[in-house]
Amino acid sequence: MNALAWLSEDPTLFPDIDDALTEPNGLLAAGGDLSEPRLIEAYRRGIFPWFEDGQPILWWSPDSRCVIDPLSFSPGRSLAKRIRKADFELRIDDAFSQVIDHCQQRTGDTGTWITDEMKAAYLDLHDSGFAHSFECYINGTLCGGLYGLSIGNLFFGESMFHHVTDASKLAFTGLMKTMANAGCPMVDCQLPNPHLLSLGAFELPRDQFRQVLDKHIDKPSIDWSQLRGVCPVIW
């Protein structure tokens, strides 16, 4: 049985993801910090932070991994019908701070993993051009959205919220269309849940996830400066 590793001050040093615990599934290491160099190195290796207030920073790489392929994504019949109503507007990087605020509040009823420390770290990543958001507006009001990280030719989803039915799904279709247009072969959704699985996400064994990661993480980054603003969605 592997022992839980504690991270050193060097932000580039992580255990191999194959050393993650099987119970709880994927727990790899503890400690360290949420500095930009450490976070970017973690995602590059298939590792993400997930912890609650009062806990040390915990780092995870579960087997298997919830992912979705934007290149083969197609909205279901009811979602496609909702898209055709065209009574909403999708935007990219229009309200990143508000999106992460809403995601934090959404999970706050039962204890949130988006701690103030996590929020500050991802705001810094947004300022550095790594973290991005997709927003859904209805009648000019922010009703749903999501955020995540873009490294290489991949996107790593973090969290989503909605205040109106289907608003987060609409933002998700914006992400899928944008990533498909950019040739992104995989969006990492981290852990499965019924909402993600209903949108076409599936579980990928960790070794296969790593193969895709290694192939695409060093490819030219998506040019988000050309994407900011209104995000058209056509199916």
Foldseek 3Di string as FASTA:
>chain_A
DADAAEDDQPLLDFDQQVSADPVVFFFHYFAYALAPSNQLNQVLRQKHWFDFPPGTTIIGRGFWFKKAFLQPFDFDPVLQVVVVVVQKWKFKQPCVLVFLVQQQVVPPVPTGRCDPRNSVSVVVCVVVPFKMKMFMGGPRDTFKIFMFGWAFLETETDTMDGNDPCRNVVSVLLVSVVSNVSVRGMYTPGDDDPVSVNRPIDIDGSVVVSVSSVVGRPHDTDDCVVRGTTRDGDD
